[in-house]
């Protein structure tokens, strides 16, 4: 996403408190960001609700 936004540099601190400035095109993330976790959870909740609603509608149609 950062590359798509044409961001030139990203600055962050490392685990040993060093400040790092890097070109996003050369940066390789080694963890899942908080934003990615949030989006995954939202998608999972939406899928869960869809499945739950589908089961409810199927059970209602069987009882009719």
PDB file of N, CA and C in Angstrom:
ATOM      1  N   UNK A   1       0.823  -1.188   0.000  1.00  0.00           N
ATOM      2  CA  UNK A   1       0.000   0.000   0.000  1.00  0.00           C
ATOM      3  C   UNK A   1       0.870   1.256   0.000  1.00  0.00           C
ATOM      4  N   UNK A   2       1.926   1.253   0.759  1.00  0.00           N
ATOM      5  CA  UNK A   2       2.804   2.425   0.826  1.00  0.00           C
ATOM      6  C   UNK A   2       3.404   2.715  -0.544  1.00  0.00           C
ATOM      7  N   UNK A   3       3.777   1.674  -1.256  1.00  0.00           N
ATOM      8  CA  UNK A   3       4.364   1.850  -2.588  1.00  0.00           C
ATOM      9  C   UNK A   3       3.330   2.453  -3.532  1.00  0.00           C
ATOM     10  N   UNK A   4       2.078   1.992  -3.435  1.00  0.00           N
ATOM     11  CA  UNK A   4       1.014   2.526  -4.285  1.00  0.00           C
ATOM     12  C   UNK A   4       0.755   4.004  -4.025  1.00  0.00           C
ATOM     13  N   UNK A   5       1.003   4.457  -2.808  1.00  0.00           N
ATOM     14  CA  UNK A   5       0.802   5.863  -2.457  1.00  0.00           C
ATOM     15  C   UNK A   5       1.989   6.738  -2.845  1.00  0.00           C
ATOM     16  N   UNK A   6       3.019   6.121  -3.401  1.00  0.00           N
ATOM     17  CA  UNK A   6       4.226   6.822  -3.854  1.00  0.00           C
ATOM     18  C   UNK A   6       4.955   7.542  -2.719  1.00  0.00           C
ATOM     19  N   UNK A   7       5.016   6.882  -1.551  1.00  0.00           N
ATOM     20  CA  UNK A   7       5.745   7.421  -0.406  1.00  0.00           C
ATOM     21  C   UNK A   7       7.226   7.158  -0.630  1.00  0.00           C
ATOM     22  N   UNK A   8       8.034   8.205  -0.473  1.00  0.00           N
ATOM     23  CA  UNK A   8       9.467   8.124  -0.794  1.00  0.00           C
ATOM     24  C   UNK A   8      10.301   7.492   0.326  1.00  0.00           C
ATOM     25  N   UNK A   9      10.029   7.851   1.577  1.00  0.00           N
ATOM     26  CA  UNK A   9      10.812   7.346   2.710  1.00  0.00           C
ATOM     27  C   UNK A   9       9.867   7.024   3.854  1.00  0.00           C
ATOM     28  N   UNK A  10      10.241   6.028   4.624  1.00  0.00           N
ATOM     29  CA  UNK A  10       9.510   5.696   5.839  1.00  0.00           C
ATOM     30  C   UNK A  10      10.524   5.683   6.979  1.00  0.00           C
ATOM     31  N   UNK A  11      10.160   6.308   8.098  1.00  0.00           N
ATOM     32  CA  UNK A  11      11.060   6.412   9.249  1.00  0.00           C
ATOM     33  C   UNK A  11      10.394   5.698  10.422  1.00  0.00           C
ATOM     34  N   UNK A  12      11.157   4.827  11.083  1.00  0.00           N
ATOM     35  CA  UNK A  12      10.615   4.074  12.211  1.00  0.00           C
ATOM     36  C   UNK A  12      11.743   3.706  13.155  1.00  0.00           C
ATOM     37  N   UNK A  13      11.386   3.244  14.341  1.00  0.00           N
ATOM     38  CA  UNK A  13      12.412   2.807  15.291  1.00  0.00           C
ATOM     39  C   UNK A  13      12.460   1.289  15.305  1.00  0.00           C
ATOM     40  N   UNK A  14      13.653   0.758  15.464  1.00  0.00           N
ATOM     41  CA  UNK A  14      13.842  -0.692  15.494  1.00  0.00           C
ATOM     42  C   UNK A  14      13.709  -1.191  16.929  1.00  0.00           C
ATOM     43  N   UNK A  15      13.808  -2.496  17.105  1.00  0.00           N
ATOM     44  CA  UNK A  15      13.696  -3.083  18.448  1.00  0.00           C
ATOM     45  C   UNK A  15      14.765  -2.578  19.411  1.00  0.00           C
ATOM     46  N   UNK A  16      15.946  -2.237  18.878  1.00  0.00           N
ATOM     47  CA  UNK A  16      17.021  -1.745  19.743  1.00  0.00           C
ATOM     48  C   UNK A  16      17.049  -0.210  19.800  1.00  0.00           C
ATOM     49  N   UNK A  17      15.904   0.430  19.495  1.00  0.00           N
ATOM     50  CA  UNK A  17      15.699   1.878  19.586  1.00  0.00           C
ATOM     51  C   UNK A  17      16.554   2.704  18.625  1.00  0.00           C
ATOM     52  N   UNK A  18      17.021   2.112  17.555  1.00  0.00           N
ATOM     53  CA  UNK A  18      17.692   2.876  16.509  1.00  0.00           C
ATOM     54  C   UNK A  18      16.633   3.417  15.555  1.00  0.00           C
ATOM     55  N   UNK A  19      16.836   4.627  15.072  1.00  0.00           N
ATOM     56  CA  UNK A  19      15.909   5.206  14.101  1.00  0.00           C
ATOM     57  C   UNK A  19      16.378   4.811  12.712  1.00  0.00           C
ATOM     58  N   UNK A  20      15.448   4.296  11.934  1.00  0.00           N
ATOM     59  CA  UNK A  20      15.767   3.813  10.592  1.00  0.00           C
ATOM     60  C   UNK A  20      14.944   4.587   9.577  1.00  0.00           C
ATOM     61  N   UNK A  21      15.598   5.038   8.523  1.00  0.00           N
ATOM     62  CA  UNK A  21      14.934   5.685   7.396  1.00  0.00           C
ATOM     63  C   UNK A  21      15.193   4.819   6.178  1.00  0.00           C
ATOM     64  N   UNK A  22      14.103   4.361   5.534  1.00  0.00           N
ATOM     65  CA  UNK A  22      14.273   3.423   4.428  1.00  0.00           C
ATOM     66  C   UNK A  22      13.318   3.740   3.285  1.00  0.00           C
ATOM     67  N   UNK A  23      13.719   3.313   2.106  1.00  0.00           N
ATOM     68  CA  UNK A  23      12.862   3.395   0.932  1.00  0.00           C
ATOM     69  C   UNK A  23      11.855   2.242   1.034  1.00  0.00           C
ATOM     70  N   UNK A  24      10.550   2.507   0.993  1.00  0.00           N
ATOM     71  CA  UNK A  24       9.556   1.442   1.131  1.00  0.00           C
ATOM     72  C   UNK A  24       9.692   0.320   0.093  1.00  0.00           C
ATOM     73  N   UNK A  25      10.269   0.643  -1.063  1.00  0.00           N
ATOM     74  CA  UNK A  25      10.424  -0.374  -2.102  1.00  0.00           C
ATOM     75  C   UNK A  25      11.444  -1.429  -1.706  1.00  0.00           C
ATOM     76  N   UNK A  26      12.396  -1.074  -0.846  1.00  0.00           N
ATOM     77  CA  UNK A  26      13.415  -2.036  -0.415  1.00  0.00           C
ATOM     78  C   UNK A  26      13.100  -2.654   0.937  1.00  0.00           C
ATOM     79  N   UNK A  27      12.102  -2.141   1.610  1.00  0.00           N
ATOM     80  CA  UNK A  27      11.740  -2.622   2.945  1.00  0.00           C
ATOM     81  C   UNK A  27      10.941  -3.915   2.853  1.00  0.00           C
ATOM     82  N   UNK A  28      11.354  -4.920   3.627  1.00  0.00           N
ATOM     83  CA  UNK A  28      10.644  -6.195   3.666  1.00  0.00           C
ATOM     84  C   UNK A  28      10.070  -6.362   5.075  1.00  0.00           C
ATOM     85  N   UNK A  29       8.756  -6.266   5.235  1.00  0.00           N
ATOM     86  CA  UNK A  29       8.169  -6.413   6.571  1.00  0.00           C
ATOM     87  C   UNK A  29       8.293  -7.853   7.065  1.00  0.00           C
ATOM     88  N   UNK A  30       8.593  -7.988   8.342  1.00  0.00           N
ATOM     89  CA  UNK A  30       8.739  -9.326   8.914  1.00  0.00           C
ATOM     90  C   UNK A  30       7.672  -9.579   9.982  1.00  0.00           C
ATOM     91  N   UNK A  31       6.645  -8.761   9.996  1.00  0.00           N
ATOM     92  CA  UNK A  31       5.557  -8.936  10.950  1.00  0.00           C
ATOM     93  C   UNK A  31       4.246  -8.497  10.299  1.00  0.00           C
ATOM     94  N   UNK A  32       3.147  -8.806  10.967  1.00  0.00           N
ATOM     95  CA  UNK A  32       1.836  -8.365  10.493  1.00  0.00           C
ATOM     96  C   UNK A  32       1.511  -7.071  11.230  1.00  0.00           C
ATOM     97  N   UNK A  33       1.205  -6.029  10.478  1.00  0.00           N
ATOM     98  CA  UNK A  33       0.928  -4.737  11.091  1.00  0.00           C
ATOM     99  C   UNK A  33      -0.408  -4.750  11.826  1.00  0.00           C
ATOM    100  N   UNK A  34      -0.590  -3.788  12.714  1.00  0.00           N
ATOM    101  CA  UNK A  34      -1.847  -3.671  13.453  1.00  0.00           C
ATOM    102  C   UNK A  34      -3.007  -3.431  12.493  1.00  0.00           C
ATOM    103  N   UNK A  35      -2.763  -2.642  11.454  1.00  0.00           N
ATOM    104  CA  UNK A  35      -3.811  -2.371  10.469  1.00  0.00           C
ATOM    105  C   UNK A  35      -4.232  -3.619   9.719  1.00  0.00           C
ATOM    106  N   UNK A  36      -3.266  -4.439   9.353  1.00  0.00           N
ATOM    107  CA  UNK A  36      -3.570  -5.687   8.642  1.00  0.00           C
ATOM    108  C   UNK A  36      -4.351  -6.640   9.552  1.00  0.00           C
ATOM    109  N   UNK A  37      -3.985  -6.694  10.830  1.00  0.00           N
ATOM    110  CA  UNK A  37      -4.715  -7.537  11.782  1.00  0.00           C
ATOM    111  C   UNK A  37      -6.155  -7.065  11.918  1.00  0.00           C
ATOM    112  N   UNK A  38      -6.330  -5.747  12.002  1.00  0.00           N
ATOM    113  CA  UNK A  38      -7.671  -5.171  12.130  1.00  0.00           C
ATOM    114  C   UNK A  38      -8.536  -5.522  10.916  1.00  0.00           C
ATOM    115  N   UNK A  39      -7.988  -5.346   9.721  1.00  0.00           N
ATOM    116  CA  UNK A  39      -8.739  -5.657   8.508  1.00  0.00           C
ATOM    117  C   UNK A  39      -9.078  -7.145   8.427  1.00  0.00           C
ATOM    118  N   UNK A  40      -8.147  -7.991   8.839  1.00  0.00           N
ATOM    119  CA  UNK A  40      -8.394  -9.433   8.830  1.00  0.00           C
ATOM    120  C   UNK A  40      -9.531  -9.770   9.795  1.00  0.00           C
ATOM    121  N   UNK A  41      -9.518  -9.155  10.976  1.00  0.00           N
ATOM    122  CA  UNK A  41     -10.567  -9.418  11.957  1.00  0.00           C
ATOM    123  C   UNK A  41     -11.925  -8.945  11.457  1.00  0.00           C
ATOM    124  N   UNK A  42     -11.969  -7.788  10.807  1.00  0.00           N
ATOM    125  CA  UNK A  42     -13.233  -7.294  10.262  1.00  0.00           C
ATOM    126  C   UNK A  42     -13.745  -8.268   9.208  1.00  0.00           C
ATOM    127  N   UNK A  43     -12.885  -8.702   8.317  1.00  0.00           N
ATOM    128  CA  UNK A  43     -13.286  -9.652   7.277  1.00  0.00           C
ATOM    129  C   UNK A  43     -13.751 -10.964   7.896  1.00  0.00           C
ATOM    130  N   UNK A  44     -13.079 -11.429   8.925  1.00  0.00           N
ATOM    131  CA  UNK A  44     -13.459 -12.678   9.585  1.00  0.00           C
ATOM    132  C   UNK A  44     -14.830 -12.533  10.244  1.00  0.00           C
ATOM    133  N   UNK A  45     -15.074 -11.383  10.894  1.00  0.00           N
ATOM    134  CA  UNK A  45     -16.362 -11.150  11.539  1.00  0.00           C
ATOM    135  C   UNK A  45     -17.480 -11.093  10.506  1.00  0.00           C
ATOM    136  N   UNK A  46     -17.223 -10.439   9.371  1.00  0.00           N
ATOM    137  CA  UNK A  46     -18.233 -10.356   8.321  1.00  0.00           C
ATOM    138  C   UNK A  46     -18.540 -11.733   7.755  1.00  0.00           C
ATOM    139  N   UNK A  47     -17.507 -12.542   7.548  1.00  0.00           N
ATOM    140  CA  UNK A  47     -17.704 -13.900   7.042  1.00  0.00           C
ATOM    141  C   UNK A  47     -18.492 -14.738   8.051  1.00  0.00           C
ATOM    142  N   UNK A  48     -18.147 -14.587   9.337  1.00  0.00           N
ATOM    143  CA  UNK A  48     -18.839 -15.328  10.381  1.00  0.00           C
ATOM    144  C   UNK A  48     -20.320 -14.949  10.402  1.00  0.00           C
ATOM    145  N   UNK A  49     -20.603 -13.646  10.305  1.00  0.00           N
ATOM    146  CA  UNK A  49     -21.997 -13.200  10.295  1.00  0.00           C
ATOM    147  C   UNK A  49     -22.739 -13.738   9.079  1.00  0.00           C
ATOM    148  N   UNK A  50     -22.081 -13.757   7.911  1.00  0.00           N
ATOM    149  CA  UNK A  50     -22.703 -14.293   6.696  1.00  0.00           C
ATOM    150  C   UNK A  50     -23.072 -15.763   6.880  1.00  0.00           C
ATOM    151  N   UNK A  51     -22.122 -16.544   7.397  1.00  0.00           N
ATOM    152  CA  UNK A  51     -22.350 -17.977   7.599  1.00  0.00           C
ATOM    153  C   UNK A  51     -23.475 -18.191   8.598  1.00  0.00           C
ATOM    154  N   UNK A  52     -23.459 -17.423   9.665  1.00  0.00           N
ATOM    155  CA  UNK A  52     -24.482 -17.546  10.698  1.00  0.00           C
ATOM    156  C   UNK A  52     -25.854 -17.209  10.123  1.00  0.00           C
ATOM    157  N   UNK A  53     -25.946 -16.129   9.342  1.00  0.00           N
ATOM    158  CA  UNK A  53     -27.215 -15.741   8.733  1.00  0.00           C
ATOM    159  C   UNK A  53     -27.685 -16.777   7.719  1.00  0.00           C
ATOM    160  N   UNK A  54     -26.762 -17.347   6.962  1.00  0.00           N
ATOM    161  CA  UNK A  54     -27.122 -18.382   5.995  1.00  0.00           C
ATOM    162  C   UNK A  54     -27.712 -19.604   6.703  1.00  0.00           C
ATOM    163  N   UNK A  55     -27.100 -19.983   7.813  1.00  0.00           N
ATOM    164  CA  UNK A  55     -27.593 -21.143   8.566  1.00  0.00           C
ATOM    165  C   UNK A  55     -28.986 -20.859   9.118  1.00  0.00           C
ATOM    166  N   UNK A  56     -29.205 -19.621   9.613  1.00  0.00           N
ATOM    167  CA  UNK A  56     -30.512 -19.261  10.147  1.00  0.00           C
ATOM    168  C   UNK A  56     -31.571 -19.312   9.057  1.00  0.00           C
ATOM    169  N   UNK A  57     -31.257 -18.768   7.898  1.00  0.00           N
ATOM    170  CA  UNK A  57     -32.238 -18.739   6.814  1.00  0.00           C
ATOM    171  C   UNK A  57     -32.531 -20.151   6.305  1.00  0.00           C
ATOM    172  N   UNK A  58     -31.535 -21.026   6.297  1.00  0.00           N
ATOM    173  CA  UNK A  58     -31.748 -22.410   5.864  1.00  0.00           C
ATOM    174  C   UNK A  58     -32.617 -23.155   6.876  1.00  0.00           C
ATOM    175  N   UNK A  59     -32.380 -22.936   8.164  1.00  0.00           N
ATOM    176  CA  UNK A  59     -33.171 -23.639   9.182  1.00  0.00           C
ATOM    177  C   UNK A  59     -34.609 -23.136   9.185  1.00  0.00           C
ATOM    178  N   UNK A  60     -34.834 -21.861   8.889  1.00  0.00           N
ATOM    179  CA  UNK A  60     -36.194 -21.320   8.805  1.00  0.00           C
ATOM    180  C   UNK A  60     -36.930 -21.916   7.615  1.00  0.00           C
ATOM    181  N   UNK A  61     -36.247 -22.062   6.495  1.00  0.00           N
ATOM    182  CA  UNK A  61     -36.889 -22.609   5.309  1.00  0.00           C
ATOM    183  C   UNK A  61     -37.210 -24.083   5.477  1.00  0.00           C
ATOM    184  N   UNK A  62     -36.416 -24.809   6.262  1.00  0.00           N
ATOM    185  CA  UNK A  62     -36.687 -26.222   6.532  1.00  0.00           C
ATOM    186  C   UNK A  62     -37.917 -26.388   7.426  1.00  0.00           C
ATOM    187  N   UNK A  63     -38.111 -25.477   8.375  1.00  0.00           N
ATOM    188  CA  UNK A  63     -39.216 -25.602   9.310  1.00  0.00           C
ATOM    189  C   UNK A  63     -40.546 -25.174   8.697  1.00  0.00           C
ATOM    190  N   UNK A  64     -40.516 -24.489   7.577  1.00  0.00           N
ATOM    191  CA  UNK A  64     -41.767 -24.019   6.944  1.00  0.00           C
ATOM    192  C   UNK A  64     -42.397 -25.084   6.130  1.00  0.00           C
TER     193      UNK A  64
END
